[in-house]
Amino acid sequence: MRMTAATHLIRKRPVNLSLNEALVAQAKTYTSNLSATLEVLLAEYVAAQQQARQSRQLAADACAQDWNAVHAKVGSFADEHSTL
């Protein structure tokens, strides 16, 4: 995700994070704006999690659709064992 002009218009608020002090010191050697860097990385993480959730949902939907097709064609095993 890139920082764009529109990104800067989004309301921001301070948050408290507990981060490894040595890691923060190392990261500061690579970026002059740690907050912006963390925001980009967090946005990428959230997007990846949303994509993974969507993929799992699509797989579950396909499985249910396939099972429903089998049930419509063959019926249910339990149909042969009615307790009535």
C-alpha atoms as a PDB file:
ATOM      1  CA  MET A   1       0.000   0.000   0.000  1.00  0.00           C
ATOM      2  CA  ARG A   2       1.330   3.390  -0.910  1.00  0.00           C
ATOM      3  CA  MET A   3       0.936   6.562   1.054  1.00  0.00           C
ATOM      4  CA  THR A   4      -1.155   8.850  -1.147  1.00  0.00           C
ATOM      5  CA  ALA A   5      -2.700  12.268  -0.724  1.00  0.00           C
ATOM      6  CA  ALA A   6      -5.991  10.586   0.181  1.00  0.00           C
ATOM      7  CA  THR A   7      -4.247   8.562   2.884  1.00  0.00           C
ATOM      8  CA  HIS A   8      -3.263  11.769   4.651  1.00  0.00           C
ATOM      9  CA  LEU A   9      -6.914  12.910   4.778  1.00  0.00           C
ATOM     10  CA  ILE A  10      -7.909   9.939   6.919  1.00  0.00           C
ATOM     11  CA  ARG A  11      -8.421  10.779  10.587  1.00  0.00           C
ATOM     12  CA  LYS A  12      -5.608   9.479  12.747  1.00  0.00           C
ATOM     13  CA  ARG A  13      -5.320   9.026  16.471  1.00  0.00           C
ATOM     14  CA  PRO A  14      -2.460   8.135  18.765  1.00  0.00           C
ATOM     15  CA  VAL A  15      -2.290   4.585  20.095  1.00  0.00           C
ATOM     16  CA  ASN A  16      -0.044   2.905  22.593  1.00  0.00           C
ATOM     17  CA  LEU A  17       2.050  -0.009  21.396  1.00  0.00           C
ATOM     18  CA  SER A  18       4.535  -2.164  23.222  1.00  0.00           C
ATOM     19  CA  LEU A  19       7.388  -2.885  20.845  1.00  0.00           C
ATOM     20  CA  ASN A  20      10.818  -4.414  21.220  1.00  0.00           C
ATOM     21  CA  GLU A  21      13.123  -1.465  21.936  1.00  0.00           C
ATOM     22  CA  ALA A  22      16.051  -2.878  19.973  1.00  0.00           C
ATOM     23  CA  LEU A  23      13.821  -3.609  16.993  1.00  0.00           C
ATOM     24  CA  VAL A  24      12.450  -0.056  17.036  1.00  0.00           C
ATOM     25  CA  ALA A  25      16.002   1.325  17.112  1.00  0.00           C
ATOM     26  CA  GLN A  26      16.946  -0.830  14.119  1.00  0.00           C
ATOM     27  CA  ALA A  27      13.789   0.155  12.220  1.00  0.00           C
ATOM     28  CA  LYS A  28      14.529   3.851  12.750  1.00  0.00           C
ATOM     29  CA  THR A  29      17.742   3.411  10.766  1.00  0.00           C
ATOM     30  CA  TYR A  30      15.611   2.471   7.755  1.00  0.00           C
ATOM     31  CA  THR A  31      12.753   4.962   8.042  1.00  0.00           C
ATOM     32  CA  SER A  32      12.372   8.535   9.129  1.00  0.00           C
ATOM     33  CA  ASN A  33       8.660   8.024   9.840  1.00  0.00           C
ATOM     34  CA  LEU A  34       8.111   4.899  11.886  1.00  0.00           C
ATOM     35  CA  SER A  35       4.384   5.595  12.306  1.00  0.00           C
ATOM     36  CA  ALA A  36       3.804   5.770   8.554  1.00  0.00           C
ATOM     37  CA  THR A  37       5.875   2.640   7.976  1.00  0.00           C
ATOM     38  CA  LEU A  38       3.936   0.702  10.620  1.00  0.00           C
ATOM     39  CA  GLU A  39       0.655   1.983   9.200  1.00  0.00           C
ATOM     40  CA  VAL A  40       1.552   0.713   5.719  1.00  0.00           C
ATOM     41  CA  LEU A  41       2.642  -2.660   7.093  1.00  0.00           C
ATOM     42  CA  LEU A  42      -0.516  -2.946   9.206  1.00  0.00           C
ATOM     43  CA  ALA A  43      -2.705  -2.071   6.214  1.00  0.00           C
ATOM     44  CA  GLU A  44      -0.966  -4.788   4.169  1.00  0.00           C
ATOM     45  CA  TYR A  45      -1.499  -7.284   6.993  1.00  0.00           C
ATOM     46  CA  VAL A  46      -5.201  -6.420   7.272  1.00  0.00           C
ATOM     47  CA  ALA A  47      -5.645  -6.715   3.494  1.00  0.00           C
ATOM     48  CA  ALA A  48      -3.938 -10.131   3.516  1.00  0.00           C
ATOM     49  CA  GLN A  49      -6.151 -11.330   6.377  1.00  0.00           C
ATOM     50  CA  GLN A  50      -9.273 -10.121   4.569  1.00  0.00           C
ATOM     51  CA  GLN A  51      -8.165 -11.913   1.398  1.00  0.00           C
ATOM     52  CA  ALA A  52      -7.491 -15.113   3.357  1.00  0.00           C
ATOM     53  CA  ARG A  53     -10.926 -14.926   4.988  1.00  0.00           C
ATOM     54  CA  GLN A  54     -12.567 -14.363   1.609  1.00  0.00           C
ATOM     55  CA  SER A  55     -10.673 -17.328   0.136  1.00  0.00           C
ATOM     56  CA  ARG A  56     -11.784 -19.584   2.996  1.00  0.00           C
ATOM     57  CA  GLN A  57     -15.376 -18.417   2.557  1.00  0.00           C
ATOM     58  CA  LEU A  58     -15.274 -19.100  -1.193  1.00  0.00           C
ATOM     59  CA  ALA A  59     -13.877 -22.586  -0.547  1.00  0.00           C
ATOM     60  CA  ALA A  60     -16.591 -23.284   2.043  1.00  0.00           C
ATOM     61  CA  ASP A  61     -19.283 -22.015  -0.335  1.00  0.00           C
ATOM     62  CA  ALA A  62     -17.967 -24.256  -3.124  1.00  0.00           C
ATOM     63  CA  CYS A  63     -17.894 -27.246  -0.775  1.00  0.00           C
ATOM     64  CA  ALA A  64     -21.467 -26.615   0.346  1.00  0.00           C
ATOM     65  CA  GLN A  65     -22.594 -26.201  -3.262  1.00  0.00           C
ATOM     66  CA  ASP A  66     -20.912 -29.493  -4.245  1.00  0.00           C
ATOM     67  CA  TRP A  67     -22.416 -31.306  -1.261  1.00  0.00           C
ATOM     68  CA  ASN A  68     -25.872 -29.938  -2.062  1.00  0.00           C
ATOM     69  CA  ALA A  69     -25.497 -31.168  -5.658  1.00  0.00           C
ATOM     70  CA  VAL A  70     -24.564 -34.655  -4.433  1.00  0.00           C
ATOM     71  CA  HIS A  71     -27.492 -34.626  -2.021  1.00  0.00           C
ATOM     72  CA  ALA A  72     -29.894 -33.545  -4.773  1.00  0.00           C
ATOM     73  CA  LYS A  73     -28.654 -36.303  -7.102  1.00  0.00           C
ATOM     74  CA  VAL A  74     -28.115 -39.208  -4.700  1.00  0.00           C
ATOM     75  CA  GLY A  75     -30.075 -38.263  -1.610  1.00  0.00           C
ATOM     76  CA  SER A  76     -28.993 -38.704   1.951  1.00  0.00           C
ATOM     77  CA  PHE A  77     -27.699 -41.904   3.544  1.00  0.00           C
ATOM     78  CA  ALA A  78     -30.000 -41.158   6.480  1.00  0.00           C
ATOM     79  CA  ASP A  79     -33.060 -41.268   4.211  1.00  0.00           C
ATOM     80  CA  GLU A  80     -32.852 -45.067   4.220  1.00  0.00           C
ATOM     81  CA  HIS A  81     -32.895 -45.244   7.991  1.00  0.00           C
ATOM     82  CA  SER A  82     -36.052 -43.478   9.048  1.00  0.00           C
ATOM     83  CA  THR A  83     -37.078 -44.016  12.662  1.00  0.00           C
ATOM     84  CA  LEU A  84     -40.772 -43.533  11.861  1.00  0.00           C
END
